[in-house]
Amino acid sequence: MTFGVRKSIYFGGCLLSSAVSSRMIEPRAVLLSLIDFIRLRYGAF
């Protein structure tokens, strides 16, 4: 349970940093990372 929370917080931070530097990253890559984050979040719980 704690591991899942840490994992979701870690991926949330990665999403935040990628959103900040979204100008250098393609929108498609950001969208794919968001989809992967949702999959991993629901997979953890």
N, C-alpha and C. Protein backbone atom coordinates (compact mmCIF):
# COMPACT_ATOMS: atom_id res chain seq x y z
N MET A 1 0.85 -1.20 0.00
CA MET A 1 0.00 0.00 0.00
C MET A 1 0.88 1.25 0.00
N THR A 2 1.87 1.27 0.90
CA THR A 2 2.76 2.43 0.96
C THR A 2 3.58 2.54 -0.31
N PHE A 3 3.98 1.38 -0.86
CA PHE A 3 4.77 1.41 -2.09
C PHE A 3 3.96 2.01 -3.24
N GLY A 4 2.67 1.68 -3.29
CA GLY A 4 1.82 2.23 -4.34
C GLY A 4 1.68 3.74 -4.22
N VAL A 5 1.58 4.22 -2.97
CA VAL A 5 1.46 5.67 -2.76
C VAL A 5 2.74 6.36 -3.19
N ARG A 6 3.88 5.79 -2.82
CA ARG A 6 5.16 6.39 -3.22
C ARG A 6 5.29 6.39 -4.74
N LYS A 7 4.86 5.30 -5.38
CA LYS A 7 4.96 5.20 -6.83
C LYS A 7 4.10 6.27 -7.49
N SER A 8 2.87 6.46 -6.99
CA SER A 8 1.98 7.46 -7.58
C SER A 8 2.54 8.86 -7.38
N ILE A 9 3.13 9.14 -6.21
CA ILE A 9 3.73 10.45 -5.97
C ILE A 9 4.92 10.66 -6.89
N TYR A 10 5.73 9.61 -7.08
CA TYR A 10 6.91 9.73 -7.95
C TYR A 10 6.49 10.03 -9.38
N PHE A 11 5.49 9.28 -9.89
CA PHE A 11 5.04 9.52 -11.27
C PHE A 11 4.33 10.86 -11.38
N GLY A 12 3.68 11.29 -10.30
CA GLY A 12 3.06 12.61 -10.32
C GLY A 12 4.10 13.70 -10.46
N GLY A 13 5.24 13.54 -9.78
CA GLY A 13 6.33 14.50 -9.91
C GLY A 13 6.91 14.49 -11.31
N CYS A 14 7.03 13.29 -11.89
CA CYS A 14 7.53 13.20 -13.26
C CYS A 14 6.57 13.89 -14.22
N LEU A 15 5.28 13.73 -14.00
CA LEU A 15 4.30 14.39 -14.86
C LEU A 15 4.40 15.89 -14.71
N LEU A 16 4.59 16.36 -13.48
CA LEU A 16 4.68 17.80 -13.25
C LEU A 16 5.90 18.38 -13.95
N SER A 17 7.03 17.70 -13.82
CA SER A 17 8.26 18.20 -14.46
C SER A 17 8.12 18.16 -15.98
N SER A 18 7.46 17.12 -16.50
CA SER A 18 7.28 17.03 -17.94
C SER A 18 6.29 18.10 -18.42
N ALA A 19 5.34 18.44 -17.58
CA ALA A 19 4.39 19.49 -17.96
C ALA A 19 5.08 20.86 -17.98
N VAL A 20 6.01 21.05 -17.05
CA VAL A 20 6.75 22.32 -17.02
C VAL A 20 7.61 22.46 -18.26
N SER A 21 8.25 21.37 -18.68
CA SER A 21 9.12 21.41 -19.85
C SER A 21 8.39 20.87 -21.08
N SER A 22 7.07 21.13 -21.14
CA SER A 22 6.27 20.60 -22.27
C SER A 22 6.65 21.30 -23.57
N ARG A 23 7.28 22.46 -23.49
CA ARG A 23 7.68 23.16 -24.70
C ARG A 23 8.77 22.41 -25.44
N MET A 24 9.59 21.65 -24.69
CA MET A 24 10.68 20.92 -25.33
C MET A 24 10.25 19.51 -25.70
N ILE A 25 9.14 19.04 -25.14
CA ILE A 25 8.67 17.69 -25.40
C ILE A 25 7.45 17.75 -26.32
N GLU A 26 7.30 16.77 -27.17
CA GLU A 26 6.15 16.73 -28.06
C GLU A 26 4.87 16.48 -27.26
N PRO A 27 3.76 17.10 -27.68
CA PRO A 27 2.49 16.88 -26.96
C PRO A 27 2.08 15.41 -26.93
N ARG A 28 2.42 14.69 -28.01
CA ARG A 28 2.04 13.27 -28.07
C ARG A 28 2.76 12.48 -26.97
N ALA A 29 4.02 12.81 -26.73
CA ALA A 29 4.78 12.11 -25.70
C ALA A 29 4.20 12.42 -24.32
N VAL A 30 3.79 13.66 -24.11
CA VAL A 30 3.19 14.03 -22.82
C VAL A 30 1.88 13.28 -22.63
N LEU A 31 1.10 13.18 -23.70
CA LEU A 31 -0.17 12.46 -23.60
C LEU A 31 0.06 10.98 -23.29
N LEU A 32 1.06 10.38 -23.93
CA LEU A 32 1.36 8.98 -23.67
C LEU A 32 1.83 8.78 -22.23
N SER A 33 2.63 9.70 -21.72
CA SER A 33 3.08 9.58 -20.33
C SER A 33 1.91 9.73 -19.37
N LEU A 34 0.94 10.59 -19.72
CA LEU A 34 -0.24 10.73 -18.88
C LEU A 34 -1.06 9.45 -18.86
N ILE A 35 -1.20 8.81 -20.03
CA ILE A 35 -1.94 7.55 -20.11
C ILE A 35 -1.23 6.47 -19.31
N ASP A 36 0.10 6.41 -19.41
CA ASP A 36 0.85 5.42 -18.65
C ASP A 36 0.71 5.67 -17.15
N PHE A 37 0.70 6.94 -16.75
CA PHE A 37 0.54 7.28 -15.33
C PHE A 37 -0.82 6.79 -14.82
N ILE A 38 -1.87 6.99 -15.63
CA ILE A 38 -3.20 6.54 -15.21
C ILE A 38 -3.23 5.02 -15.09
N ARG A 39 -2.61 4.33 -16.05
CA ARG A 39 -2.59 2.87 -16.00
C ARG A 39 -1.84 2.38 -14.75
N LEU A 40 -0.69 2.98 -14.46
CA LEU A 40 0.10 2.54 -13.31
C LEU A 40 -0.61 2.89 -12.01
N ARG A 41 -1.30 4.02 -11.99
CA ARG A 41 -1.99 4.41 -10.76
C ARG A 41 -3.12 3.44 -10.44
N TYR A 42 -3.94 3.11 -11.44
CA TYR A 42 -5.02 2.17 -11.18
C TYR A 42 -4.49 0.75 -11.00
N GLY A 43 -3.32 0.47 -11.57
CA GLY A 43 -2.74 -0.85 -11.38
C GLY A 43 -2.17 -1.03 -9.98
N ALA A 44 -1.70 0.08 -9.37
CA ALA A 44 -1.14 0.00 -8.02
C ALA A 44 -2.24 -0.28 -7.00
N PHE A 45 -3.38 0.34 -7.19
CA PHE A 45 -4.49 0.14 -6.25
C PHE A 45 -5.46 -0.92 -6.81
